C-alpha atoms as a PDB file:
ATOM      1  CA  MET A   1       9.009 -52.522 -77.925  1.00  0.00           C
ATOM      2  CA  SER A   2       5.740 -50.866 -76.981  1.00  0.00           C
ATOM      3  CA  ASP A   3       5.480 -47.114 -77.403  1.00  0.00           C
ATOM      4  CA  ALA A   4       4.242 -47.042 -73.803  1.00  0.00           C
ATOM      5  CA  ALA A   5       7.714 -47.984 -72.565  1.00  0.00           C
ATOM      6  CA  VAL A   6       8.908 -44.406 -72.845  1.00  0.00           C
ATOM      7  CA  VAL A   7      11.259 -44.410 -69.891  1.00  0.00           C
ATOM      8  CA  MET A   8      14.973 -44.826 -70.488  1.00  0.00           C
ATOM      9  CA  SER A   9      17.256 -47.388 -68.913  1.00  0.00           C
ATOM     10  CA  LYS A  10      20.979 -46.982 -68.288  1.00  0.00           C
ATOM     11  CA  ILE A  11      23.174 -49.696 -69.746  1.00  0.00           C
ATOM     12  CA  LEU A  12      26.895 -50.060 -69.173  1.00  0.00           C
ATOM     13  CA  VAL A  13      28.619 -50.409 -72.572  1.00  0.00           C
ATOM     14  CA  LEU A  14      31.923 -52.288 -72.448  1.00  0.00           C
ATOM     15  CA  ASP A  15      32.971 -52.134 -76.071  1.00  0.00           C
ATOM     16  CA  ASP A  16      36.246 -50.632 -77.291  1.00  0.00           C
ATOM     17  CA  GLU A  17      36.023 -51.477 -81.001  1.00  0.00           C
ATOM     18  CA  LEU A  18      36.049 -47.956 -82.410  1.00  0.00           C
ATOM     19  CA  ALA A  19      34.757 -48.931 -85.859  1.00  0.00           C
ATOM     20  CA  ASN A  20      31.395 -50.007 -84.389  1.00  0.00           C
ATOM     21  CA  LEU A  21      30.835 -47.468 -81.622  1.00  0.00           C
ATOM     22  CA  ALA A  22      28.602 -45.236 -83.750  1.00  0.00           C
ATOM     23  CA  HIS A  23      26.474 -48.263 -84.668  1.00  0.00           C
ATOM     24  CA  ILE A  24      26.195 -49.324 -81.023  1.00  0.00           C
ATOM     25  CA  LYS A  25      25.318 -45.788 -79.936  1.00  0.00           C
ATOM     26  CA  GLN A  26      22.484 -45.691 -82.466  1.00  0.00           C
ATOM     27  CA  LEU A  27      21.359 -49.163 -81.414  1.00  0.00           C
ATOM     28  CA  CYS A  28      21.072 -47.970 -77.809  1.00  0.00           C
ATOM     29  CA  ALA A  29      19.197 -44.826 -78.820  1.00  0.00           C
ATOM     30  CA  ASP A  30      16.704 -46.817 -80.899  1.00  0.00           C
ATOM     31  CA  ALA A  31      16.146 -49.189 -77.971  1.00  0.00           C
ATOM     32  CA  HIS A  32      15.495 -46.408 -75.406  1.00  0.00           C
ATOM     33  CA  LEU A  33      18.808 -47.139 -73.690  1.00  0.00           C
ATOM     34  CA  LEU A  34      21.165 -44.557 -72.247  1.00  0.00           C
ATOM     35  CA  GLY A  35      24.574 -46.059 -72.947  1.00  0.00           C
ATOM     36  CA  ILE A  36      27.376 -45.176 -70.540  1.00  0.00           C
ATOM     37  CA  LYS A  37      31.051 -46.120 -70.821  1.00  0.00           C
ATOM     38  CA  PRO A  38      33.777 -46.187 -68.175  1.00  0.00           C
ATOM     39  CA  ASN A  39      36.439 -43.518 -68.632  1.00  0.00           C
ATOM     40  CA  LEU A  40      39.044 -46.107 -67.730  1.00  0.00           C
ATOM     41  CA  ASP A  41      38.777 -49.097 -70.040  1.00  0.00           C
ATOM     42  CA  SER A  42      40.285 -51.600 -67.627  1.00  0.00           C
ATOM     43  CA  PHE A  43      38.905 -54.435 -65.571  1.00  0.00           C
ATOM     44  CA  GLY A  44      39.715 -52.589 -62.358  1.00  0.00           C
ATOM     45  CA  GLY A  45      37.872 -49.513 -63.584  1.00  0.00           C
ATOM     46  CA  VAL A  46      34.849 -51.582 -64.581  1.00  0.00           C
ATOM     47  CA  LEU A  47      34.692 -53.355 -61.224  1.00  0.00           C
ATOM     48  CA  GLU A  48      34.982 -50.050 -59.385  1.00  0.00           C
ATOM     49  CA  LEU A  49      32.116 -48.635 -61.429  1.00  0.00           C
ATOM     50  CA  LEU A  50      29.923 -51.688 -60.830  1.00  0.00           C
ATOM     51  CA  ALA A  51      30.693 -51.654 -57.107  1.00  0.00           C
ATOM     52  CA  SER A  52      29.537 -48.038 -56.831  1.00  0.00           C
ATOM     53  CA  SER A  53      25.957 -46.906 -56.239  1.00  0.00           C
ATOM     54  CA  LEU A  54      25.423 -46.328 -59.981  1.00  0.00           C
ATOM     55  CA  ASP A  55      21.975 -47.559 -60.963  1.00  0.00           C
ATOM     56  CA  LEU A  56      21.882 -49.699 -64.084  1.00  0.00           C
ATOM     57  CA  GLY A  57      19.445 -51.646 -66.189  1.00  0.00           C
ATOM     58  CA  GLY A  58      22.032 -53.993 -67.666  1.00  0.00           C
ATOM     59  CA  VAL A  59      25.478 -54.483 -69.228  1.00  0.00           C
ATOM     60  CA  LEU A  60      26.399 -54.716 -72.915  1.00  0.00           C
ATOM     61  CA  ILE A  61      29.859 -56.230 -73.393  1.00  0.00           C
ATOM     62  CA  TYR A  62      31.907 -57.118 -76.478  1.00  0.00           C
ATOM     63  CA  GLU A  63      33.454 -60.583 -76.372  1.00  0.00           C
ATOM     64  CA  ASN A  64      36.891 -59.113 -77.171  1.00  0.00           C
ATOM     65  CA  TYR A  65      36.613 -56.118 -74.875  1.00  0.00           C
ATOM     66  CA  SER A  66      40.061 -55.140 -73.571  1.00  0.00           C
ATOM     67  CA  GLY A  67      41.702 -57.968 -75.537  1.00  0.00           C
ATOM     68  CA  ARG A  68      40.873 -61.098 -77.498  1.00  0.00           C
ATOM     69  CA  GLY A  69      38.489 -63.278 -75.487  1.00  0.00           C
ATOM     70  CA  ARG A  70      38.795 -61.103 -72.378  1.00  0.00           C
ATOM     71  CA  GLY A  71      35.193 -59.980 -72.550  1.00  0.00           C
ATOM     72  CA  LEU A  72      34.049 -63.561 -72.117  1.00  0.00           C
ATOM     73  CA  SER A  73      36.159 -63.889 -68.986  1.00  0.00           C
ATOM     74  CA  MET A  74      35.030 -60.535 -67.664  1.00  0.00           C
ATOM     75  CA  LEU A  75      31.313 -61.231 -68.003  1.00  0.00           C
ATOM     76  CA  HIS A  76      31.531 -64.057 -65.439  1.00  0.00           C
ATOM     77  CA  MET A  77      33.058 -61.709 -62.871  1.00  0.00           C
ATOM     78  CA  ILE A  78      30.364 -59.129 -63.641  1.00  0.00           C
ATOM     79  CA  ALA A  79      27.671 -61.793 -63.224  1.00  0.00           C
ATOM     80  CA  ASN A  80      29.085 -62.760 -59.820  1.00  0.00           C
ATOM     81  CA  LEU A  81      29.397 -59.154 -58.686  1.00  0.00           C
ATOM     82  CA  ARG A  82      25.985 -57.973 -59.924  1.00  0.00           C
ATOM     83  CA  PRO A  83      23.867 -61.087 -60.563  1.00  0.00           C
ATOM     84  CA  GLU A  84      20.677 -59.033 -60.861  1.00  0.00           C
ATOM     85  CA  LEU A  85      21.865 -57.251 -64.027  1.00  0.00           C
ATOM     86  CA  PRO A  86      21.107 -58.800 -67.439  1.00  0.00           C
ATOM     87  CA  ILE A  87      24.250 -59.117 -69.587  1.00  0.00           C
ATOM     88  CA  PHE A  88      24.069 -58.747 -73.365  1.00  0.00           C
ATOM     89  CA  LEU A  89      27.075 -60.129 -75.254  1.00  0.00           C
ATOM     90  CA  ARG A  90      28.091 -58.656 -78.611  1.00  0.00           C
ATOM     91  CA  ARG A  91      29.944 -61.161 -80.772  1.00  0.00           C
ATOM     92  CA  ASN A  92      31.652 -61.154 -84.129  1.00  0.00           C
ATOM     93  CA  ALA A  93      29.594 -62.595 -86.963  1.00  0.00           C
ATOM     94  CA  ASP A  94      32.067 -65.460 -87.486  1.00  0.00           C
ATOM     95  CA  ALA A  95      32.462 -66.322 -83.776  1.00  0.00           C
ATOM     96  CA  PRO A  96      32.122 -70.014 -82.814  1.00  0.00           C
ATOM     97  CA  PRO A  97      29.181 -71.155 -80.644  1.00  0.00           C
ATOM     98  CA  LEU A  98      29.335 -70.277 -76.968  1.00  0.00           C
ATOM     99  CA  ILE A  99      30.191 -72.920 -74.426  1.00  0.00           C
ATOM    100  CA  ASP A 100      27.464 -73.717 -71.900  1.00  0.00           C
ATOM    101  CA  THR A 101      28.998 -71.783 -68.995  1.00  0.00           C
ATOM    102  CA  ASP A 102      29.227 -68.618 -71.092  1.00  0.00           C
ATOM    103  CA  ALA A 103      25.691 -69.032 -72.436  1.00  0.00           C
ATOM    104  CA  ARG A 104      24.240 -69.433 -68.939  1.00  0.00           C
ATOM    105  CA  ALA A 105      25.920 -66.257 -67.701  1.00  0.00           C
ATOM    106  CA  ILE A 106      24.283 -63.948 -70.245  1.00  0.00           C
ATOM    107  CA  CYS A 107      20.814 -62.803 -71.166  1.00  0.00           C
ATOM    108  CA  ALA A 108      21.441 -62.824 -74.928  1.00  0.00           C
ATOM    109  CA  ALA A 109      24.209 -62.945 -77.527  1.00  0.00           C
ATOM    110  CA  PHE A 110      24.059 -61.108 -80.864  1.00  0.00           C
ATOM    111  CA  ASP A 111      26.174 -59.602 -83.611  1.00  0.00           C
ATOM    112  CA  LEU A 112      25.593 -56.285 -85.350  1.00  0.00           C
ATOM    113  CA  SER A 113      24.410 -57.967 -88.539  1.00  0.00           C
ATOM    114  CA  ASN A 114      21.460 -59.422 -86.590  1.00  0.00           C
ATOM    115  CA  VAL A 115      20.349 -57.441 -83.532  1.00  0.00           C
ATOM    116  CA  ALA A 116      16.969 -59.192 -83.234  1.00  0.00           C
ATOM    117  CA  PRO A 117      18.094 -61.397 -80.285  1.00  0.00           C
ATOM    118  CA  PHE A 118      19.280 -58.274 -78.455  1.00  0.00           C
ATOM    119  CA  LYS A 119      15.982 -56.426 -78.958  1.00  0.00           C
ATOM    120  CA  ALA A 120      13.927 -59.476 -77.982  1.00  0.00           C
ATOM    121  CA  ALA A 121      15.977 -59.914 -74.810  1.00  0.00           C
ATOM    122  CA  LEU A 122      15.450 -56.251 -73.907  1.00  0.00           C
ATOM    123  CA  ASP A 123      11.694 -56.682 -74.064  1.00  0.00           C
ATOM    124  CA  ALA A 124      11.950 -59.786 -71.888  1.00  0.00           C
ATOM    125  CA  SER A 125      14.282 -58.303 -69.281  1.00  0.00           C
ATOM    126  CA  ILE A 126      14.831 -54.548 -68.920  1.00  0.00           C
ATOM    127  CA  PHE A 127      11.613 -53.482 -70.646  1.00  0.00           C
ATOM    128  CA  SER A 128       9.445 -56.307 -69.371  1.00  0.00           C
ATOM    129  CA  ARG A 129       6.668 -54.024 -68.221  1.00  0.00           C
ATOM    130  CA  SER A 130       4.873 -50.989 -69.584  1.00  0.00           C
ATOM    131  CA  TYR A 131       4.926 -47.616 -67.844  1.00  0.00           C
ATOM    132  CA  PRO A 132       2.347 -45.533 -69.723  1.00  0.00           C
ATOM    133  CA  VAL A 133       3.331 -41.983 -70.641  1.00  0.00           C
ATOM    134  CA  HIS A 134       0.499 -40.339 -68.733  1.00  0.00           C
ATOM    135  CA  LEU A 135       1.267 -42.332 -65.575  1.00  0.00           C
ATOM    136  CA  VAL A 136       4.984 -41.442 -65.538  1.00  0.00           C
ATOM    137  CA  ARG A 137       4.151 -37.797 -66.242  1.00  0.00           C
ATOM    138  CA  GLY A 138       1.526 -37.710 -63.499  1.00  0.00           C
ATOM    139  CA  ILE A 139       3.826 -39.307 -60.903  1.00  0.00           C
ATOM    140  CA  THR A 140       6.544 -36.813 -61.769  1.00  0.00           C
ATOM    141  CA  GLU A 141       4.208 -33.836 -61.480  1.00  0.00           C
ATOM    142  CA  LEU A 142       2.746 -34.786 -58.112  1.00  0.00           C
ATOM    143  CA  SER A 143       6.175 -35.722 -56.711  1.00  0.00           C
ATOM    144  CA  LEU A 144       7.691 -32.410 -57.834  1.00  0.00           C
ATOM    145  CA  SER A 145       4.862 -30.577 -56.123  1.00  0.00           C
ATOM    146  CA  ALA A 146       5.354 -32.524 -52.886  1.00  0.00           C
ATOM    147  CA  LEU A 147       9.127 -32.031 -52.796  1.00  0.00           C
ATOM    148  CA  GLN A 148       8.786 -28.331 -53.555  1.00  0.00           C
ATOM    149  CA  ALA A 149       6.270 -27.984 -50.718  1.00  0.00           C
ATOM    150  CA  MET A 150       8.634 -29.640 -48.244  1.00  0.00           C
ATOM    151  CA  PHE A 151      11.878 -27.993 -49.400  1.00  0.00           C
ATOM    152  CA  LYS A 152      10.654 -24.433 -49.861  1.00  0.00           C
ATOM    153  CA  SER A 153      14.134 -22.892 -49.743  1.00  0.00           C
ATOM    154  CA  CYS A 154      15.239 -24.984 -52.744  1.00  0.00           C
ATOM    155  CA  SER A 155      14.336 -25.174 -56.396  1.00  0.00           C
ATOM    156  CA  VAL A 156      13.519 -28.708 -57.537  1.00  0.00           C
ATOM    157  CA  SER A 157      14.235 -30.076 -61.008  1.00  0.00           C
ATOM    158  CA  VAL A 158      13.697 -33.553 -62.425  1.00  0.00           C
ATOM    159  CA  ASP A 159      15.463 -35.769 -64.963  1.00  0.00           C
ATOM    160  CA  SER A 160      13.789 -38.151 -67.394  1.00  0.00           C
ATOM    161  CA  ALA A 161      12.462 -41.323 -65.794  1.00  0.00           C
ATOM    162  CA  TYR A 162      14.334 -44.547 -66.436  1.00  0.00           C
ATOM    163  CA  LEU A 163      14.372 -48.210 -65.472  1.00  0.00           C
ATOM    164  CA  VAL A 164      16.852 -49.940 -63.188  1.00  0.00           C
ATOM    165  CA  ASN A 165      17.425 -53.636 -62.707  1.00  0.00           C
ATOM    166  CA  ASP A 166      19.706 -53.497 -59.685  1.00  0.00           C
ATOM    167  CA  LYS A 167      19.027 -53.706 -55.957  1.00  0.00           C
ATOM    168  CA  ASN A 168      21.292 -50.872 -54.847  1.00  0.00           C
ATOM    169  CA  ILE A 169      20.238 -48.115 -52.484  1.00  0.00           C
ATOM    170  CA  TYR A 170      21.532 -44.605 -52.979  1.00  0.00           C
ATOM    171  CA  GLY A 171      22.762 -42.784 -49.904  1.00  0.00           C
ATOM    172  CA  GLU A 172      22.014 -43.318 -46.230  1.00  0.00           C
ATOM    173  CA  ILE A 173      18.440 -42.120 -45.696  1.00  0.00           C
ATOM    174  CA  PHE A 174      15.680 -44.223 -47.175  1.00  0.00           C
ATOM    175  CA  SER A 175      11.936 -43.643 -46.923  1.00  0.00           C
ATOM    176  CA  MET A 176       9.630 -46.453 -48.030  1.00  0.00           C
ATOM    177  CA  MET A 177       5.849 -46.598 -48.236  1.00  0.00           C
ATOM    178  CA  ALA A 178       3.542 -49.355 -49.435  1.00  0.00           C
ATOM    179  CA  ILE A 179       1.302 -48.652 -52.428  1.00  0.00           C
ATOM    180  CA  ASP A 180      -1.916 -50.669 -52.544  1.00  0.00           C
ATOM    181  CA  SER A 181      -4.661 -50.461 -55.125  1.00  0.00           C
ATOM    182  CA  ASP A 182      -6.677 -52.767 -57.328  1.00  0.00           C
ATOM    183  CA  TRP A 183      -4.230 -52.279 -60.220  1.00  0.00           C
ATOM    184  CA  CYS A 184      -0.832 -51.934 -58.512  1.00  0.00           C
ATOM    185  CA  ARG A 185       0.765 -53.123 -55.294  1.00  0.00           C
ATOM    186  CA  GLY A 186       4.326 -52.515 -54.223  1.00  0.00           C
ATOM    187  CA  TYR A 187       6.486 -49.812 -52.693  1.00  0.00           C
ATOM    188  CA  MET A 188       7.571 -46.257 -53.319  1.00  0.00           C
ATOM    189  CA  MET A 189      10.992 -45.192 -52.064  1.00  0.00           C
ATOM    190  CA  LEU A 190      12.800 -41.887 -51.634  1.00  0.00           C
ATOM    191  CA  GLN A 191      16.566 -42.230 -51.237  1.00  0.00           C
ATOM    192  CA  THR A 192      19.165 -39.569 -50.527  1.00  0.00           C
ATOM    193  CA  GLU A 193      22.622 -39.004 -49.096  1.00  0.00           C
ATOM    194  CA  ALA A 194      22.321 -37.506 -45.623  1.00  0.00           C
ATOM    195  CA  GLY A 195      25.452 -35.360 -45.686  1.00  0.00           C
ATOM    196  CA  GLU A 196      24.643 -33.718 -49.034  1.00  0.00           C
ATOM    197  CA  MET A 197      21.073 -32.974 -47.992  1.00  0.00           C
ATOM    198  CA  LEU A 198      22.054 -31.564 -44.603  1.00  0.00           C
ATOM    199  CA  ASP A 199      24.658 -29.309 -46.215  1.00  0.00           C
ATOM    200  CA  LEU A 200      22.005 -28.048 -48.617  1.00  0.00           C
ATOM    201  CA  LEU A 201      19.441 -27.440 -45.868  1.00  0.00           C
ATOM    202  CA  ARG A 202      21.980 -25.640 -43.705  1.00  0.00           C
ATOM    203  CA  SER A 203      23.199 -23.428 -46.545  1.00  0.00           C
ATOM    204  CA  SER A 204      19.662 -22.403 -47.428  1.00  0.00           C
ATOM    205  CA  ALA A 205      18.350 -21.950 -43.864  1.00  0.00           C
ATOM    206  CA  ALA A 206      17.581 -18.489 -42.523  1.00  0.00           C
ATOM    207  CA  ALA A 207      20.396 -16.875 -40.559  1.00  0.00           C
ATOM    208  CA  ASP A 208      18.409 -16.887 -37.316  1.00  0.00           C
ATOM    209  CA  ALA A 209      17.103 -20.459 -37.712  1.00  0.00           C
ATOM    210  CA  PRO A 210      18.648 -23.405 -35.837  1.00  0.00           C
ATOM    211  CA  ALA A 211      20.936 -25.571 -37.977  1.00  0.00           C
ATOM    212  CA  PRO A 212      19.062 -28.620 -39.318  1.00  0.00           C
ATOM    213  CA  ILE A 213      20.083 -32.009 -37.917  1.00  0.00           C
ATOM    214  CA  TYR A 214      19.504 -35.624 -38.989  1.00  0.00           C
ATOM    215  CA  HIS A 215      16.159 -35.764 -37.194  1.00  0.00           C
ATOM    216  CA  ASP A 216      14.917 -32.799 -39.244  1.00  0.00           C
ATOM    217  CA  LEU A 217      15.952 -34.508 -42.491  1.00  0.00           C
ATOM    218  CA  ASN A 218      14.178 -37.717 -41.467  1.00  0.00           C
ATOM    219  CA  SER A 219      11.011 -35.753 -40.739  1.00  0.00           C
ATOM    220  CA  LEU A 220      11.163 -33.868 -44.040  1.00  0.00           C
ATOM    221  CA  LEU A 221      11.636 -37.043 -46.064  1.00  0.00           C
ATOM    222  CA  ALA A 222       8.849 -38.815 -44.174  1.00  0.00           C
ATOM    223  CA  GLU A 223       6.439 -35.944 -44.753  1.00  0.00           C
ATOM    224  CA  ALA A 224       7.433 -35.733 -48.431  1.00  0.00           C
ATOM    225  CA  SER A 225       6.639 -39.450 -48.730  1.00  0.00           C
ATOM    226  CA  ASN A 226       3.237 -38.861 -47.132  1.00  0.00           C
ATOM    227  CA  LEU A 227       2.493 -36.028 -49.541  1.00  0.00           C
ATOM    228  CA  VAL A 228       3.475 -38.056 -52.605  1.00  0.00           C
ATOM    229  CA  TRP A 229       1.473 -41.079 -51.438  1.00  0.00           C
ATOM    230  CA  GLY A 230      -1.563 -38.917 -50.664  1.00  0.00           C
ATOM    231  CA  SER A 231      -1.442 -37.286 -54.094  1.00  0.00           C
ATOM    232  CA  PHE A 232      -0.917 -40.653 -55.799  1.00  0.00           C
ATOM    233  CA  LYS A 233      -3.860 -42.104 -53.878  1.00  0.00           C
ATOM    234  CA  ASN A 234      -6.177 -39.217 -54.745  1.00  0.00           C
ATOM    235  CA  ARG A 235      -5.217 -39.229 -58.409  1.00  0.00           C
ATOM    236  CA  TYR A 236      -4.901 -42.909 -59.230  1.00  0.00           C
ATOM    237  CA  VAL A 237      -6.620 -45.036 -56.612  1.00  0.00           C
ATOM    238  CA  GLY A 238     -10.133 -43.639 -56.389  1.00  0.00           C
ATOM    239  CA  ASN A 239     -12.752 -45.009 -54.024  1.00  0.00           C
ATOM    240  CA  HIS A 240     -10.714 -46.399 -51.138  1.00  0.00           C
ATOM    241  CA  ASP A 241     -13.585 -48.335 -49.591  1.00  0.00           C
ATOM    242  CA  GLN A 242     -13.852 -50.567 -52.639  1.00  0.00           C
ATOM    243  CA  ILE A 243     -10.214 -51.642 -52.417  1.00  0.00           C
ATOM    244  CA  GLN A 244      -9.461 -54.066 -49.620  1.00  0.00           C
ATOM    245  CA  GLY A 245      -5.755 -53.236 -49.437  1.00  0.00           C
ATOM    246  CA  LEU A 246      -6.376 -49.590 -48.594  1.00  0.00           C
ATOM    247  CA  LYS A 247      -8.232 -50.262 -45.343  1.00  0.00           C
ATOM    248  CA  GLN A 248      -4.894 -50.430 -43.571  1.00  0.00           C
ATOM    249  CA  ILE A 249      -3.156 -47.213 -42.517  1.00  0.00           C
ATOM    250  CA  GLN A 250       0.103 -46.579 -44.373  1.00  0.00           C
ATOM    251  CA  VAL A 251       3.051 -44.876 -42.678  1.00  0.00           C
ATOM    252  CA  PRO A 252       6.536 -44.198 -44.097  1.00  0.00           C
ATOM    253  CA  ILE A 253       9.440 -46.365 -43.035  1.00  0.00           C
ATOM    254  CA  ILE A 254      12.782 -44.575 -42.703  1.00  0.00           C
ATOM    255  CA  ILE A 255      15.839 -46.800 -42.991  1.00  0.00           C
ATOM    256  CA  ASN A 256      19.471 -45.973 -42.287  1.00  0.00           C
ATOM    257  CA  HIS A 257      21.573 -48.733 -43.713  1.00  0.00           C
ATOM    258  CA  GLN A 258      25.158 -49.785 -44.228  1.00  0.00           C
ATOM    259  CA  ARG A 259      25.002 -52.424 -46.937  1.00  0.00           C
ATOM    260  CA  ARG A 260      22.949 -50.337 -49.383  1.00  0.00           C
ATOM    261  CA  TYR A 261      21.051 -53.331 -50.694  1.00  0.00           C
ATOM    262  CA  ILE A 262      17.372 -54.167 -50.791  1.00  0.00           C
ATOM    263  CA  SER A 263      15.455 -56.911 -52.514  1.00  0.00           C
ATOM    264  CA  PHE A 264      11.719 -57.178 -53.124  1.00  0.00           C
ATOM    265  CA  GLY A 265      11.773 -60.800 -54.223  1.00  0.00           C
ATOM    266  CA  THR A 266      11.415 -60.011 -57.922  1.00  0.00           C
ATOM    267  CA  ASP A 267      13.682 -59.314 -60.872  1.00  0.00           C
ATOM    268  CA  ALA A 268      11.211 -56.908 -62.483  1.00  0.00           C
ATOM    269  CA  PRO A 269      12.780 -53.526 -63.357  1.00  0.00           C
ATOM    270  CA  GLN A 270      11.984 -50.614 -61.081  1.00  0.00           C
ATOM    271  CA  LEU A 271      10.842 -47.193 -62.244  1.00  0.00           C
ATOM    272  CA  CYS A 272      13.373 -44.577 -61.091  1.00  0.00           C
ATOM    273  CA  ILE A 273      13.104 -40.771 -61.170  1.00  0.00           C
ATOM    274  CA  LYS A 274      15.886 -38.429 -60.046  1.00  0.00           C
ATOM    275  CA  TYR A 275      15.049 -35.052 -58.495  1.00  0.00           C
ATOM    276  CA  SER A 276      17.729 -32.404 -57.894  1.00  0.00           C
ATOM    277  CA  LEU A 277      17.455 -29.774 -55.146  1.00  0.00           C
ATOM    278  CA  THR A 278      19.368 -26.504 -55.421  1.00  0.00           C
ATOM    279  CA  PRO A 279      19.295 -23.726 -52.784  1.00  0.00           C
ATOM    280  CA  ARG A 280      17.506 -20.656 -54.115  1.00  0.00           C
ATOM    281  CA  ASN A 281      20.096 -18.370 -52.517  1.00  0.00           C
ATOM    282  CA  ASP A 282      22.916 -20.119 -54.407  1.00  0.00           C
ATOM    283  CA  PRO A 283      21.688 -21.324 -57.829  1.00  0.00           C
ATOM    284  CA  HIS A 284      25.230 -22.320 -58.832  1.00  0.00           C
ATOM    285  CA  ALA A 285      25.653 -24.717 -55.907  1.00  0.00           C
ATOM    286  CA  THR A 286      25.998 -28.437 -56.584  1.00  0.00           C
ATOM    287  CA  PRO A 287      22.464 -29.928 -56.531  1.00  0.00           C
ATOM    288  CA  ALA A 288      21.599 -32.565 -53.940  1.00  0.00           C
ATOM    289  CA  PRO A 289      19.777 -35.543 -55.501  1.00  0.00           C
ATOM    290  CA  ILE A 290      16.751 -37.470 -54.268  1.00  0.00           C
ATOM    291  CA  PHE A 291      16.045 -40.740 -56.076  1.00  0.00           C
ATOM    292  CA  GLN A 292      12.480 -41.991 -56.244  1.00  0.00           C
ATOM    293  CA  ARG A 293      11.924 -45.662 -57.014  1.00  0.00           C
ATOM    294  CA  PHE A 294       8.788 -47.708 -57.546  1.00  0.00           C
ATOM    295  CA  ALA A 295       8.913 -51.470 -57.052  1.00  0.00           C
ATOM    296  CA  PHE A 296       5.557 -52.900 -58.086  1.00  0.00           C
ATOM    297  CA  ASN A 297       6.470 -56.389 -56.953  1.00  0.00           C
ATOM    298  CA  LEU A 298       3.023 -57.617 -55.919  1.00  0.00           C
ATOM    299  CA  THR A 299       0.606 -56.397 -58.614  1.00  0.00           C
ATOM    300  CA  TRP A 300       1.139 -54.409 -61.793  1.00  0.00           C
ATOM    301  CA  ALA A 301      -1.768 -54.015 -64.221  1.00  0.00           C
ATOM    302  CA  PRO A 302      -1.738 -50.408 -65.541  1.00  0.00           C
ATOM    303  CA  GLU A 303      -4.359 -51.354 -68.126  1.00  0.00           C
ATOM    304  CA  LEU A 304      -6.841 -51.436 -65.202  1.00  0.00           C
ATOM    305  CA  LEU A 305      -5.986 -47.894 -64.139  1.00  0.00           C
ATOM    306  CA  ASP A 306      -9.037 -45.654 -64.104  1.00  0.00           C
ATOM    307  CA  GLU A 307      -7.864 -42.075 -63.734  1.00  0.00           C
ATOM    308  CA  ASN A 308     -11.489 -40.959 -63.400  1.00  0.00           C
ATOM    309  CA  ALA A 309     -12.075 -43.176 -60.361  1.00  0.00           C
ATOM    310  CA  ALA A 310     -11.241 -40.491 -57.796  1.00  0.00           C
ATOM    311  CA  PHE A 311     -13.388 -37.944 -59.638  1.00  0.00           C
ATOM    312  CA  THR A 312     -16.298 -40.399 -59.835  1.00  0.00           C
ATOM    313  CA  ALA A 313     -15.985 -41.240 -56.145  1.00  0.00           C
ATOM    314  CA  LEU A 314     -16.178 -37.556 -55.180  1.00  0.00           C
ATOM    315  CA  LEU A 315     -19.211 -37.107 -57.411  1.00  0.00           C
ATOM    316  CA  GLU A 316     -20.962 -40.087 -55.828  1.00  0.00           C
ATOM    317  CA  ALA A 317     -20.105 -38.813 -52.353  1.00  0.00           C
ATOM    318  CA  GLY A 318     -21.641 -35.453 -53.154  1.00  0.00           C
ATOM    319  CA  GLU A 319     -18.365 -33.578 -52.679  1.00  0.00           C
ATOM    320  CA  LEU A 320     -18.323 -32.465 -56.331  1.00  0.00           C
ATOM    321  CA  GLU A 321     -20.916 -31.720 -58.945  1.00  0.00           C
ATOM    322  CA  VAL A 322     -20.820 -31.168 -62.687  1.00  0.00           C
ATOM    323  CA  PHE A 323     -22.067 -27.807 -63.920  1.00  0.00           C
END
């Protein structure tokens, strides 16, 4: 795996063989995977977890999870429930060959004595694209600045970036803006749960200020999207006139939805960053999350990124000079 793929990806680990858990945990760590396990090792608990809004990059399941041969039966139900998630099947070294229906339902099969098929499948599925360190860091910095500017009564923190392979939407309020440049084309999204955010805004509002309502939250999220897009454009896009796609005006799209599902016509993993907002007047309050996703479904060529383009354009326009 390329060193540029520094972001983590969550993977659901369905493996209850205690003797190998330490090995599997190390395998996940070496592969830049954040392994998570259900507290309730039952099929019902697994289905409930998969049906939730939990974002995932894939599923790693042992063929004898929850009983001899049960893992093989379970993976078909997982594939039907979440067909967008790659499934990696851990087998015993002496296991017989898979039947065709089982083989078609998974991304790769491997045993712990030979993890090469697992690692190769990761590079071809979850980590199929490179997110350079400097780009992820820059996006995080400019997004933090924008969110802090819009939510002044809150402190904003950020978790490590990771990759997701699902098509779930978190929460009820969804802002989406197109990103167009000569090296990337796709969409940036901000997603949040309306009730949590409104409770946070109301608890941190001044005593004499009117209580925030849904319209206020929509406006805040739309303006935050504009700020992030503007900063991204200034930092990474450069001379707008030389890029055909940027001649069109971009405006945020706010979506309230019930099904919590969106597809961009591609199976490529999305870059996801979680920001947590905490009211300054109550630092022990439960943080309200905002999830930022990038779906570069049209063009993705970070090797063409010229971070000096914006600086050069300002020099050529006479708005800056070197001294």
